[in-house]
Protein backbone atom coordinates (compact mmCIF):
# COMPACT_ATOMS: atom_id res chain seq x y z
CA MET A 1 101.03 144.81 109.65
CA THR A 2 99.31 145.57 106.50
CA LYS A 3 95.98 143.68 105.49
CA THR A 4 95.74 141.72 102.28
CA ILE A 5 92.43 142.09 100.50
CA THR A 6 91.12 138.90 99.43
CA ARG A 7 88.35 137.85 96.99
CA ALA A 8 86.13 137.28 99.98
CA ASP A 9 86.86 140.79 101.16
CA LEU A 10 85.97 142.20 97.50
CA THR A 11 82.70 139.95 97.36
CA GLU A 12 81.84 141.32 101.13
CA SER A 13 82.34 144.66 99.89
CA VAL A 14 80.14 144.49 96.75
CA TYR A 15 77.37 142.91 99.14
CA GLN A 16 77.42 145.91 101.50
CA GLU A 17 77.72 148.63 98.76
CA VAL A 18 75.57 147.34 96.06
CA GLY A 19 72.92 145.18 97.92
CA LEU A 20 73.32 142.17 95.69
CA SER A 21 73.07 138.80 97.41
CA ARG A 22 76.41 137.39 98.70
CA ASN A 23 76.19 134.67 95.92
CA GLU A 24 75.47 137.21 93.19
CA SER A 25 78.12 139.45 94.58
CA ALA A 26 80.68 136.39 94.56
CA GLN A 27 79.64 135.86 91.02
CA LEU A 28 79.91 139.52 90.03
CA VAL A 29 83.74 139.57 91.42
CA GLU A 30 84.54 136.33 89.59
CA SER A 31 83.09 137.34 86.54
CA VAL A 32 85.06 140.59 86.54
CA LEU A 33 88.32 138.99 87.56
CA ASP A 34 87.91 136.16 84.79
CA GLU A 35 87.09 138.92 82.05
CA ILE A 36 90.63 140.74 83.32
CA SER A 37 92.46 137.47 83.14
CA GLY A 38 91.02 136.41 79.98
CA CYS A 39 91.84 139.71 78.33
CA LEU A 40 95.38 139.75 79.48
CA THR A 41 95.76 136.09 78.43
CA ARG A 42 94.87 136.99 74.79
CA GLY A 43 97.53 139.63 75.03
CA GLU A 44 95.13 142.70 75.41
CA SER A 45 95.64 145.54 77.59
CA VAL A 46 92.94 146.41 80.49
CA LYS A 47 92.46 149.86 81.51
CA VAL A 48 90.26 150.67 84.43
CA SER A 49 89.41 154.20 84.38
CA SER A 50 90.92 156.24 87.52
CA PHE A 51 92.89 153.09 88.72
CA GLY A 52 95.26 151.83 86.32
CA SER A 53 96.17 149.89 83.24
CA PHE A 54 97.39 145.96 83.17
CA SER A 55 99.23 144.80 80.18
CA VAL A 56 101.41 142.00 79.08
CA ARG A 57 104.98 142.61 78.08
CA HIS A 58 107.14 140.16 76.36
CA LYS A 59 110.55 139.51 77.41
CA ARG A 60 113.00 137.71 75.12
CA ALA A 61 115.68 135.20 76.10
CA ARG A 62 118.86 136.13 77.52
CA MET A 63 121.60 134.84 79.67
CA GLY A 64 121.29 135.46 83.54
CA ARG A 65 123.67 134.61 86.23
CA ASN A 66 123.04 132.28 89.48
CA PRO A 67 123.81 134.59 92.39
CA LYS A 68 125.16 132.02 94.48
CA THR A 69 127.54 130.23 91.97
CA GLY A 70 127.98 132.67 89.60
CA GLU A 71 127.36 130.17 86.80
CA GLU A 72 125.55 131.57 83.49
CA VAL A 73 122.02 130.31 83.17
CA PRO A 74 119.86 130.73 80.20
CA ILE A 75 116.38 132.47 80.89
CA LYS A 76 113.84 131.47 78.66
CA PRO A 77 111.58 133.89 76.89
CA ARG A 78 108.49 134.77 78.80
CA ARG A 79 105.34 137.29 79.24
CA VAL A 80 105.14 139.31 82.48
CA LEU A 81 102.31 141.33 83.76
CA VAL A 82 102.59 145.13 84.19
CA PHE A 83 100.61 147.46 86.12
CA ARG A 84 100.73 151.12 85.69
CA PRO A 85 98.60 153.09 88.41
CA SER A 86 96.92 155.94 86.93
CA HIS A 87 97.68 159.60 88.06
CA VAL A 88 94.27 159.61 90.25
CA LEU A 89 95.39 156.56 91.98
CA LYS A 90 98.89 157.98 92.67
CA GLU A 91 97.37 161.14 93.93
CA VAL A 92 95.01 159.14 96.35
CA ILE A 93 97.84 157.06 97.48
CA ASN A 94 100.19 160.05 98.17
CA LYS A 95 97.39 162.12 99.84
CA SER A 96 96.92 159.19 102.12
CA LEU A 97 100.56 159.52 103.25
CA SER A 98 100.29 163.09 104.50
CA GLY A 99 96.98 162.43 106.43
CA PRO A 100 96.58 160.51 109.67
CA GLU A 101 98.42 157.12 109.64
CA VAL A 102 96.22 154.14 109.04
CA ALA A 103 96.30 151.51 111.67
CA GLY A 104 96.52 147.81 110.31
């Protein structure tokens, strides 16, 4: 089973790696996540070097179909979050597949 990384895990990593207090580490993680969320909410793209980029795509209204009944249903226009991993991240992930398997 795979592990899901939480805000608490990120905070703990910052605490261990950077040496800030746990409280300061939590504030730093929250600040970074708030900044990313704010930029995306405003429609801006966020690019994290060697990781990837986040952007918001606008989808227009369209007709969909209920898979159970086959009934046509209107789908409202909406914004969706898109993540595009960097080539560096893709390489790291693919290299980890060829190495020893990670136990979860």
